[in-house]
Amino acid sequence: MSLSSITSLPEIDLVMEQSMQAFLDYKKTNPKERASFLERIAFEIEALGEELIRTTQAETNLPEARLLGERGRTTTQLRMFAAMLLEGSWVEASIDHAIPERVPAKPDIRKMLVPLGPVVVFGASNFPYAYSTAGGDTASALASGSSVVVKAHPAHIKTSELIASAIAKAISFCNLPAHTFQHVEGNGFETGKALVQQSNTAAVGFTGSFSGGRALYDYAAARPRPIPVFSEMGSTNPVVLLQDALELNAEVIATQYAGSITLGVGQFCTNPGLLIGIKSASLDRFKSSLISAINQVPAAKMLHQGILTAYQKNSAIALSTNGVHSLANENASNEINTTPIIANVSGADFLANENLKDEVFGPYALLIECADIVEVKKVWNSVSGQLTTSIMGTDNDFAAHPELIEMATSIAGRVLLNGVPTGVDVCASMVHGGPYPATTDSRFTAVGINAVKRWVRPVCYQNCPDHLLPDALKEINPLQLKRMIDGNPYQ
């Protein structure tokens, strides 16, 4: 179903009621049926071909190569969840048999994960495919057995409509309930609030700004029956530059980070926005090389006017803060193109100005020059609640400061050693999440197969006859039987 816009509460009520009715049927589908559905969505998205790429280019200013890569990531995610469904262990089925002779007698108890219900997904502005209409939130929710309502991002409406049409074709091809997936459009906070607070909504997925994600979280908490909201709200992704690493490789590290800061015009939630080091000759070499590399990066268009305006505003606030000095490209942009900005500040001034901890979404980084390793740790700890944190160090550095790895795990969901945070690999081991305010729930990831855990809850069945149990909890369920026949019970 696709609506051009939502203008009233009755329309939202209708959408969510249809989503609930579809859920009641869709949750009964078996893993093979849902896997085939996800595979078909991937096929239909690829079948959109050039029309999809050209439409998105016109709406977002993103280059063809980036969009081809992101489309591949999106279809890969869908197929990854299809494979997860066929493998089956994601439901965490467990069986504790009865022990009638025990005193008191032990009942038969069996547990598995079941879907929550209709999930509302808010499309992201900076990833028109991978975090939007058929992105990770939608793919994982559909894999769980939940129905989905996507609120399209206004920055790429035509793209969202095309992908919604591909999902609709997959629904028809797989003969699933028509409202298993619905696509709605509507500007303004009231639409989002109404979707979150509608009584049939069971959970919410969001990727975007802190203010937007926190607002949705608060709307959900204010309901008579609160629901979970999984908001990914950005990050400054602090990087610690250790002394021996800079002594050996200052210029190489500077080049690496210049590329990461400016990748995609800095429009990634994993953009390295804070670089922390000890004031020294090697840090001066790093700074000089970073400035040189940044100054060679040409101005480029951002995704849309809203992101450009926010970048201009937030970078100007940071640069006007006491103790902050511009090192490269003090003017954030003109009316069309954006330039990357590098600034520096002392550790003491950084600690004295809370606003410097705020994310500047775009090609911006602040180099924090500390007096010693004690101040480095103090600065680092002051910005806890991150998607990622990185440490550039040698074996000598880590031998001198073995506590740094443990510190890093308290700061972020993904800890990188000697690498850049941009680039999120879609795999089972990935964690794309982190302590608040990076996300509203650090126990879960928005990327990889474990993203499905956001849309499920555990249910146990006590003394339930085998024929009345879900297949996954039967003594020999169809998936176990297939593995036994294939001769590989662990595949």
Protein backbone atom coordinates (compact mmCIF):
# COMPACT_ATOMS: atom_id res chain seq x y z
CA MET A 1 0.00 0.00 0.00
CA SER A 2 1.31 3.49 -0.80
CA LEU A 3 -0.15 6.78 0.33
CA SER A 4 0.88 10.07 -1.21
CA SER A 5 0.47 11.71 2.19
CA ILE A 6 -1.10 11.33 5.59
CA THR A 7 -3.07 14.31 6.77
CA SER A 8 -5.32 13.00 9.55
CA LEU A 9 -5.36 10.68 12.52
CA PRO A 10 -8.09 8.47 11.00
CA GLU A 11 -5.75 7.71 8.08
CA ILE A 12 -2.98 6.70 10.47
CA ASP A 13 -5.43 4.57 12.44
CA LEU A 14 -6.44 2.81 9.22
CA VAL A 15 -2.83 2.14 8.19
CA MET A 16 -1.91 0.68 11.56
CA GLU A 17 -5.10 -1.37 11.81
CA GLN A 18 -4.33 -2.85 8.39
CA SER A 19 -0.78 -3.54 9.54
CA MET A 20 -2.07 -5.38 12.62
CA GLN A 21 -4.46 -7.52 10.58
CA ALA A 22 -1.64 -8.39 8.16
CA PHE A 23 0.66 -9.24 11.08
CA LEU A 24 -1.81 -11.74 12.49
CA ASP A 25 -1.52 -13.73 9.26
CA TYR A 26 2.09 -12.96 8.33
CA LYS A 27 3.50 -14.16 11.65
CA LYS A 28 2.13 -17.63 10.84
CA THR A 29 4.31 -17.96 7.74
CA ASN A 30 7.11 -20.48 8.02
CA PRO A 31 10.82 -19.62 7.71
CA LYS A 32 11.03 -20.82 4.13
CA GLU A 33 8.11 -18.59 3.08
CA ARG A 34 9.59 -15.53 4.73
CA ALA A 35 13.02 -16.26 3.30
CA SER A 36 11.54 -16.50 -0.20
CA PHE A 37 9.81 -13.16 0.37
CA LEU A 38 13.04 -11.41 1.35
CA GLU A 39 14.85 -12.96 -1.60
CA ARG A 40 12.09 -11.73 -3.90
CA ILE A 41 12.33 -8.18 -2.53
CA ALA A 42 16.05 -8.20 -3.35
CA PHE A 43 15.27 -9.43 -6.87
CA GLU A 44 12.60 -6.77 -7.45
CA ILE A 45 14.91 -3.97 -6.22
CA GLU A 46 17.62 -5.11 -8.64
CA ALA A 47 15.01 -5.29 -11.40
CA LEU A 48 14.40 -1.54 -11.01
CA GLY A 49 17.78 -1.12 -12.69
CA GLU A 50 18.87 2.25 -14.00
CA GLU A 51 15.58 3.94 -13.14
CA LEU A 52 16.29 3.56 -9.44
CA ILE A 53 19.89 4.78 -9.63
CA ARG A 54 19.06 7.81 -11.76
CA THR A 55 16.10 8.77 -9.58
CA THR A 56 18.21 8.64 -6.43
CA GLN A 57 21.04 10.59 -8.03
CA ALA A 58 18.61 13.39 -8.85
CA GLU A 59 17.23 13.45 -5.29
CA THR A 60 20.42 13.08 -3.23
CA ASN A 61 23.47 14.28 -5.22
CA LEU A 62 25.08 10.90 -4.49
CA PRO A 63 27.35 9.52 -7.23
CA GLU A 64 26.50 6.40 -9.20
CA ALA A 65 29.32 4.32 -7.70
CA ARG A 66 28.14 5.02 -4.14
CA LEU A 67 24.54 4.15 -5.02
CA LEU A 68 25.49 0.93 -6.77
CA GLY A 69 27.45 -0.09 -3.69
CA GLU A 70 24.61 0.83 -1.35
CA ARG A 71 22.06 -1.01 -3.47
CA GLY A 72 24.31 -4.08 -3.26
CA ARG A 73 24.51 -3.73 0.50
CA THR A 74 20.73 -3.48 0.72
CA THR A 75 20.05 -6.61 -1.31
CA THR A 76 22.84 -8.43 0.51
CA GLN A 77 21.16 -7.61 3.83
CA LEU A 78 17.86 -8.99 2.59
CA ARG A 79 19.51 -12.23 1.44
CA MET A 80 21.48 -12.44 4.69
CA PHE A 81 18.24 -12.43 6.69
CA ALA A 82 16.77 -15.00 4.30
CA ALA A 83 19.72 -17.30 5.04
CA MET A 84 19.30 -16.65 8.76
CA LEU A 85 15.67 -17.78 8.56
CA LEU A 86 16.57 -21.00 6.80
CA GLU A 87 19.34 -21.77 9.31
CA GLY A 88 16.86 -21.32 12.14
CA SER A 89 18.90 -20.90 15.33
CA TRP A 90 18.01 -17.18 15.61
CA VAL A 91 14.75 -18.05 17.41
CA GLU A 92 16.85 -19.38 20.33
CA ALA A 93 14.65 -22.41 20.81
CA SER A 94 15.33 -24.23 24.07
CA ILE A 95 13.66 -27.31 25.55
CA ASP A 96 13.67 -28.39 29.20
CA HIS A 97 11.96 -31.75 29.46
CA ALA A 98 9.64 -32.70 32.27
CA ILE A 99 10.99 -34.67 35.24
CA PRO A 100 7.83 -36.11 36.80
CA GLU A 101 9.69 -38.13 39.43
CA ARG A 102 11.35 -35.03 40.85
CA VAL A 103 9.83 -33.54 44.00
CA PRO A 104 8.25 -31.18 43.25
CA ALA A 105 7.69 -32.47 39.71
CA LYS A 106 9.43 -30.48 37.00
CA PRO A 107 7.11 -29.43 34.11
CA ASP A 108 8.04 -29.51 30.44
CA ILE A 109 9.13 -25.97 29.51
CA ARG A 110 10.08 -24.75 26.04
CA LYS A 111 11.07 -21.24 24.93
CA MET A 112 11.58 -19.33 21.70
CA LEU A 113 11.51 -15.80 20.32
CA VAL A 114 8.31 -14.52 18.69
CA PRO A 115 7.62 -11.32 16.70
CA LEU A 116 6.37 -8.20 18.48
CA GLY A 117 3.84 -6.93 15.95
CA PRO A 118 3.61 -3.96 13.54
CA VAL A 119 6.92 -2.06 13.35
CA VAL A 120 7.12 1.57 12.25
CA VAL A 121 10.38 2.40 10.44
CA PHE A 122 11.51 5.97 9.77
CA GLY A 123 13.64 6.24 6.63
CA ALA A 124 17.09 7.84 7.00
CA SER A 125 18.19 10.84 4.96
CA ASN A 126 21.82 9.81 4.36
CA PHE A 127 21.28 6.21 3.23
CA PRO A 128 18.38 6.16 0.73
CA TYR A 129 18.61 2.38 0.33
CA ALA A 130 20.43 0.64 3.20
CA TYR A 131 18.75 2.52 6.08
CA SER A 132 15.49 3.47 4.45
CA THR A 133 12.53 1.80 2.78
CA ALA A 134 13.97 -1.71 2.36
CA GLY A 135 16.97 -1.18 4.62
CA GLY A 136 18.17 -3.07 7.66
CA ASP A 137 15.28 -2.10 9.93
CA THR A 138 12.66 -3.23 7.41
CA ALA A 139 14.54 -6.39 6.42
CA SER A 140 15.11 -7.50 10.01
CA ALA A 141 11.53 -6.71 11.06
CA LEU A 142 10.05 -8.66 8.14
CA ALA A 143 12.44 -11.54 8.93
CA SER A 144 11.14 -11.62 12.51
CA GLY A 145 7.57 -12.10 11.29
CA SER A 146 6.50 -8.53 12.03
CA SER A 147 4.60 -6.37 9.58
CA VAL A 148 6.19 -3.01 8.66
CA VAL A 149 5.01 0.54 8.04
CA VAL A 150 7.72 2.77 6.58
CA LYS A 151 7.53 6.54 7.01
CA ALA A 152 9.42 7.76 3.94
CA HIS A 153 12.08 10.42 4.34
CA PRO A 154 11.02 13.58 2.47
CA ALA A 155 14.52 14.05 1.04
CA HIS A 156 14.16 11.11 -1.35
CA ILE A 157 10.45 10.44 -1.77
CA LYS A 158 10.61 9.19 -5.36
CA THR A 159 13.35 6.73 -4.48
CA SER A 160 11.30 5.47 -1.55
CA GLU A 161 8.23 5.06 -3.72
CA LEU A 162 10.16 3.01 -6.27
CA ILE A 163 11.50 0.65 -3.63
CA ALA A 164 8.05 0.41 -2.02
CA SER A 165 6.70 -0.65 -5.41
CA ALA A 166 9.34 -3.40 -5.54
CA ILE A 167 8.25 -4.67 -2.11
CA ALA A 168 4.60 -4.60 -3.22
CA LYS A 169 5.49 -6.77 -6.23
CA ALA A 170 7.25 -9.22 -3.92
CA ILE A 171 4.19 -9.38 -1.65
CA SER A 172 1.99 -10.17 -4.62
CA PHE A 173 4.42 -12.73 -6.05
CA CYS A 174 4.67 -14.53 -2.69
CA ASN A 175 0.91 -14.32 -2.07
CA LEU A 176 1.31 -12.66 1.31
CA PRO A 177 -1.16 -10.36 3.09
CA ALA A 178 -1.39 -7.13 1.09
CA HIS A 179 -0.58 -4.90 4.05
CA THR A 180 2.43 -6.83 5.33
CA PHE A 181 4.36 -3.76 4.21
CA GLN A 182 2.95 -0.23 3.87
CA HIS A 183 4.60 2.95 2.68
CA VAL A 184 3.40 6.31 3.94
CA GLU A 185 4.47 9.89 3.39
CA GLY A 186 3.86 12.97 5.44
CA ASN A 187 5.79 16.00 6.65
CA GLY A 188 5.83 17.36 10.16
CA PHE A 189 6.42 15.99 13.63
CA GLU A 190 2.74 15.26 14.20
CA THR A 191 2.74 12.45 11.63
CA GLY A 192 5.65 10.75 13.33
CA LYS A 193 4.17 11.22 16.76
CA ALA A 194 0.84 9.78 15.69
CA LEU A 195 2.49 6.72 14.11
CA VAL A 196 4.49 6.01 17.26
CA GLN A 197 1.56 6.51 19.60
CA GLN A 198 -1.06 4.61 17.58
CA SER A 199 -2.19 1.70 19.72
CA ASN A 200 -1.33 -1.03 17.18
CA THR A 201 2.32 0.04 16.82
CA ALA A 202 4.54 -2.48 18.60
CA ALA A 203 8.05 -1.04 18.03
CA VAL A 204 9.90 1.73 16.20
CA GLY A 205 13.15 1.94 14.23
CA PHE A 206 14.86 5.25 13.49
CA THR A 207 18.18 6.50 12.11
CA GLY A 208 18.85 10.22 12.21
CA SER A 209 19.41 13.16 14.50
CA PHE A 210 19.56 13.11 18.29
CA SER A 211 16.59 15.47 18.55
CA GLY A 212 14.45 13.33 16.24
CA GLY A 213 15.37 10.02 17.84
CA ARG A 214 14.89 11.29 21.36
CA ALA A 215 11.49 12.77 20.46
CA LEU A 216 10.27 9.41 19.16
CA TYR A 217 11.58 7.70 22.29
CA ASP A 218 9.69 10.15 24.48
CA TYR A 219 6.49 9.74 22.43
CA ALA A 220 6.68 5.97 22.94
CA ALA A 221 7.33 6.32 26.67
CA ALA A 222 4.27 8.58 27.05
CA ARG A 223 1.90 5.93 25.65
CA PRO A 224 -0.48 4.14 28.03
CA ARG A 225 1.44 1.02 26.96
CA PRO A 226 5.06 2.03 26.26
CA ILE A 227 6.85 0.33 23.37
CA PRO A 228 10.54 -0.04 22.47
CA VAL A 229 12.15 2.56 20.20
CA PHE A 230 15.48 1.73 18.61
CA SER A 231 16.93 5.08 17.60
CA GLU A 232 20.42 5.41 16.16
CA MET A 233 21.19 9.07 16.74
CA GLY A 234 24.71 9.73 15.52
CA SER A 235 28.14 9.90 17.08
CA THR A 236 31.39 11.88 17.17
CA ASN A 237 33.40 8.62 17.00
CA PRO A 238 36.49 9.75 18.96
CA VAL A 239 39.93 8.64 17.80
CA VAL A 240 42.90 8.33 20.19
CA LEU A 241 46.28 8.95 18.54
CA LEU A 242 49.05 7.35 20.62
CA GLN A 243 52.63 8.57 20.69
CA ASP A 244 54.62 5.68 19.19
CA ALA A 245 52.13 5.28 16.33
CA LEU A 246 52.50 8.96 15.45
CA GLU A 247 56.30 8.83 15.74
CA LEU A 248 56.38 6.05 13.17
CA ASN A 249 53.42 6.86 10.89
CA ALA A 250 52.07 10.40 11.44
CA GLU A 251 51.79 11.19 7.73
CA VAL A 252 50.19 7.86 6.82
CA ILE A 253 47.63 8.11 9.61
CA ALA A 254 46.81 11.69 8.62
CA THR A 255 46.13 10.59 5.04
CA GLN A 256 43.92 7.74 6.25
CA TYR A 257 41.86 10.04 8.41
CA ALA A 258 41.56 12.80 5.83
CA GLY A 259 39.89 10.21 3.61
CA SER A 260 37.61 8.99 6.37
CA ILE A 261 36.57 12.50 7.47
CA THR A 262 35.61 13.51 3.94
CA LEU A 263 34.21 10.20 2.67
CA GLY A 264 30.75 10.80 1.24
CA VAL A 265 31.08 14.50 2.12
CA GLY A 266 31.26 13.41 5.76
CA GLN A 267 27.64 12.24 5.78
CA PHE A 268 28.11 9.04 7.75
CA CYS A 269 27.14 8.44 11.36
CA THR A 270 30.57 6.84 11.81
CA ASN A 271 32.46 9.94 10.62
CA PRO A 272 35.53 10.52 12.89
CA GLY A 273 34.66 13.90 14.38
CA LEU A 274 37.13 14.04 17.30
CA LEU A 275 40.87 13.31 17.08
CA ILE A 276 42.64 13.16 20.48
CA GLY A 277 46.41 13.23 20.92
CA ILE A 278 49.23 14.49 23.14
CA LYS A 279 50.81 17.78 22.10
CA SER A 280 54.19 16.90 20.60
CA ALA A 281 56.35 17.21 17.51
CA SER A 282 54.80 14.02 16.09
CA LEU A 283 51.28 15.40 16.61
CA ASP A 284 52.40 18.57 14.81
CA ARG A 285 53.52 16.40 11.87
CA PHE A 286 50.15 14.66 11.89
CA LYS A 287 48.37 18.02 11.98
CA SER A 288 50.41 19.43 9.11
CA SER A 289 49.80 16.36 6.95
CA LEU A 290 46.09 16.33 7.79
CA ILE A 291 45.71 20.00 6.81
CA SER A 292 47.55 19.39 3.55
CA ALA A 293 45.37 16.40 2.66
CA ILE A 294 42.12 18.15 3.62
CA ASN A 295 42.98 21.22 1.55
CA GLN A 296 43.25 19.00 -1.52
CA VAL A 297 39.69 17.69 -1.15
CA PRO A 298 37.37 19.53 -3.56
CA ALA A 299 34.12 21.10 -2.45
CA ALA A 300 31.09 18.88 -3.01
CA LYS A 301 27.30 18.87 -2.71
CA MET A 302 25.66 17.48 0.40
CA LEU A 303 22.58 15.26 0.29
CA HIS A 304 19.99 17.98 0.67
CA GLN A 305 19.44 21.52 1.89
CA GLY A 306 18.48 20.50 5.40
CA ILE A 307 21.80 18.72 6.00
CA LEU A 308 23.71 21.61 4.42
CA THR A 309 21.99 24.19 6.63
CA ALA A 310 22.65 22.15 9.78
CA TYR A 311 26.32 21.71 8.82
CA GLN A 312 26.74 25.44 8.31
CA LYS A 313 25.07 26.23 11.63
CA ASN A 314 26.78 23.60 13.78
CA SER A 315 30.27 24.09 12.38
CA ALA A 316 29.94 27.85 12.90
CA ILE A 317 28.96 27.27 16.54
CA ALA A 318 31.97 25.00 17.08
CA LEU A 319 34.40 27.41 15.41
CA SER A 320 33.15 30.32 17.50
CA THR A 321 33.71 28.47 20.78
CA ASN A 322 36.44 29.74 23.08
CA GLY A 323 39.83 28.20 22.30
CA VAL A 324 38.86 26.66 18.94
CA HIS A 325 41.06 27.57 15.97
CA SER A 326 40.37 26.77 12.34
CA LEU A 327 43.15 24.87 10.56
CA ALA A 328 41.56 24.26 7.17
CA ASN A 329 38.58 25.79 5.35
CA GLU A 330 37.02 28.01 7.98
CA ASN A 331 33.99 28.73 5.77
CA ALA A 332 31.78 25.65 5.84
CA SER A 333 30.26 26.08 2.41
CA ASN A 334 28.64 28.30 -0.12
CA GLU A 335 25.06 27.97 -1.35
CA ILE A 336 25.91 24.90 -3.43
CA ASN A 337 29.12 23.19 -2.36
CA THR A 338 30.53 22.17 1.00
CA THR A 339 34.18 22.18 2.05
CA PRO A 340 35.70 20.01 4.80
CA ILE A 341 36.75 21.75 8.01
CA ILE A 342 39.54 20.88 10.45
CA ALA A 343 39.91 22.78 13.71
CA ASN A 344 41.92 22.33 16.88
CA VAL A 345 41.52 23.02 20.59
CA SER A 346 43.42 22.27 23.77
CA GLY A 347 42.25 19.47 26.02
CA ALA A 348 41.46 21.96 28.79
CA ASP A 349 39.32 24.16 26.53
CA PHE A 350 37.52 21.12 25.14
CA LEU A 351 36.62 19.95 28.63
CA ALA A 352 35.38 23.43 29.52
CA ASN A 353 32.94 23.65 26.57
CA GLU A 354 30.14 21.07 26.51
CA ASN A 355 28.96 22.07 23.02
CA LEU A 356 32.22 20.78 21.51
CA LYS A 357 31.05 17.24 22.31
CA ASP A 358 28.07 17.65 19.95
CA GLU A 359 28.16 16.00 16.54
CA VAL A 360 28.77 18.25 13.53
CA PHE A 361 27.28 16.09 10.79
CA GLY A 362 29.42 16.56 7.71
CA PRO A 363 33.11 16.70 6.72
CA TYR A 364 34.29 18.20 10.01
CA ALA A 365 36.82 17.09 12.62
CA LEU A 366 38.23 18.67 15.76
CA LEU A 367 41.80 17.87 16.79
CA ILE A 368 42.12 17.96 20.58
CA GLU A 369 45.69 18.58 21.78
CA CYS A 370 46.17 17.28 25.32
CA ALA A 371 48.94 17.91 27.81
CA ASP A 372 49.52 14.23 28.65
CA ILE A 373 47.95 10.77 28.59
CA VAL A 374 45.97 11.58 31.74
CA GLU A 375 44.22 14.43 29.94
CA VAL A 376 43.73 12.23 26.86
CA LYS A 377 41.81 9.75 29.01
CA LYS A 378 39.80 12.51 30.65
CA VAL A 379 38.78 13.96 27.28
CA TRP A 380 38.00 10.51 25.89
CA ASN A 381 35.82 9.53 28.84
CA SER A 382 33.94 12.83 28.66
CA VAL A 383 32.43 11.87 25.28
CA SER A 384 31.17 8.40 26.21
CA GLY A 385 28.12 7.11 24.39
CA GLN A 386 29.43 6.51 20.88
CA LEU A 387 28.82 4.19 17.96
CA THR A 388 32.58 3.74 17.49
CA THR A 389 35.88 4.68 19.03
CA SER A 390 39.30 4.08 17.48
CA ILE A 391 42.83 3.75 18.83
CA MET A 392 45.88 4.27 16.64
CA GLY A 393 48.77 2.60 18.44
CA THR A 394 51.70 0.20 18.25
CA ASP A 395 52.50 -2.78 20.46
CA ASN A 396 54.69 -0.46 22.49
CA ASP A 397 51.77 1.95 22.96
CA PHE A 398 49.44 -0.79 24.17
CA ALA A 399 52.10 -2.27 26.45
CA ALA A 400 52.51 1.17 28.03
CA HIS A 401 48.72 1.69 28.34
CA PRO A 402 47.00 -1.71 28.58
CA GLU A 403 43.91 -0.16 30.16
CA LEU A 404 42.89 1.62 26.95
CA ILE A 405 41.06 -1.31 25.34
CA GLU A 406 38.84 -1.81 28.37
CA MET A 407 38.17 1.92 28.52
CA ALA A 408 37.15 1.86 24.88
CA THR A 409 34.48 -0.82 25.46
CA SER A 410 32.74 1.42 27.99
CA ILE A 411 32.65 4.28 25.48
CA ALA A 412 31.39 2.66 22.27
CA GLY A 413 29.72 -0.34 20.69
CA ARG A 414 32.49 -0.88 18.11
CA VAL A 415 36.17 -0.57 19.06
CA LEU A 416 38.66 -0.18 16.20
CA LEU A 417 42.42 -0.62 16.39
CA ASN A 418 44.56 1.01 13.72
CA GLY A 419 41.77 1.66 11.28
CA VAL A 420 39.09 4.19 10.38
CA PRO A 421 35.47 3.94 11.59
CA THR A 422 33.77 4.69 8.27
CA GLY A 423 32.73 1.51 6.51
CA VAL A 424 30.33 -0.83 8.34
CA ASP A 425 30.64 -4.43 7.26
CA VAL A 426 27.32 -6.29 7.21
CA CYS A 427 28.04 -9.51 9.09
CA ALA A 428 27.01 -11.46 12.19
CA SER A 429 29.82 -10.02 14.33
CA MET A 430 29.11 -6.36 13.55
CA VAL A 431 27.81 -4.06 16.29
CA HIS A 432 26.28 -0.85 15.00
CA GLY A 433 25.03 0.67 18.20
CA GLY A 434 26.39 2.04 21.42
CA PRO A 435 25.62 3.61 24.79
CA TYR A 436 23.23 6.53 24.97
CA PRO A 437 23.18 9.07 23.34
CA ALA A 438 24.49 7.13 20.32
CA THR A 439 21.43 4.90 20.54
CA THR A 440 18.43 4.49 22.81
CA ASP A 441 19.31 0.86 23.61
CA SER A 442 22.95 -0.25 23.57
CA ARG A 443 22.04 -3.94 23.87
CA PHE A 444 21.17 -4.17 20.19
CA THR A 445 22.72 -3.55 16.80
CA ALA A 446 21.10 -2.03 13.71
CA VAL A 447 23.42 -3.95 11.35
CA GLY A 448 23.93 -7.70 10.94
CA ILE A 449 21.64 -10.63 11.66
CA ASN A 450 21.36 -9.78 15.36
CA ALA A 451 19.35 -6.71 14.35
CA VAL A 452 16.36 -9.06 14.29
CA LYS A 453 16.50 -9.29 18.10
CA ARG A 454 14.99 -5.81 18.33
CA TRP A 455 11.63 -6.99 16.98
CA VAL A 456 11.08 -10.13 19.07
CA ARG A 457 10.35 -11.21 22.62
CA PRO A 458 10.73 -14.57 24.39
CA VAL A 459 7.72 -16.79 25.09
CA CYS A 460 7.77 -20.10 26.92
CA TYR A 461 5.25 -22.93 26.64
CA GLN A 462 4.67 -25.10 29.71
CA ASN A 463 3.31 -28.65 29.44
CA CYS A 464 2.14 -27.98 25.89
CA PRO A 465 1.39 -31.07 23.77
CA ASP A 466 3.88 -31.52 20.95
CA HIS A 467 1.28 -31.16 18.20
CA LEU A 468 0.21 -27.75 19.55
CA LEU A 469 3.75 -26.34 19.75
CA PRO A 470 5.37 -24.08 17.15
CA ASP A 471 7.50 -26.15 14.79
CA ALA A 472 10.75 -24.81 16.28
CA LEU A 473 9.86 -26.33 19.69
CA LYS A 474 8.69 -29.74 18.57
CA GLU A 475 10.83 -32.74 19.46
CA ILE A 476 12.01 -33.03 15.86
CA ASN A 477 11.08 -29.93 13.95
CA PRO A 478 11.18 -29.69 10.14
CA LEU A 479 14.50 -27.82 10.16
CA GLN A 480 16.16 -30.43 12.41
CA LEU A 481 14.79 -33.21 10.20
CA LYS A 482 16.24 -31.59 7.07
CA ARG A 483 19.65 -31.32 8.74
CA MET A 484 19.52 -34.97 9.77
CA ILE A 485 18.62 -36.01 6.22
CA ASP A 486 21.39 -33.84 4.81
CA GLY A 487 23.83 -35.46 7.21
CA ASN A 488 24.99 -32.21 8.78
CA PRO A 489 23.08 -31.38 11.97
CA TYR A 490 25.15 -28.24 12.57
CA GLN A 491 24.96 -26.61 9.10
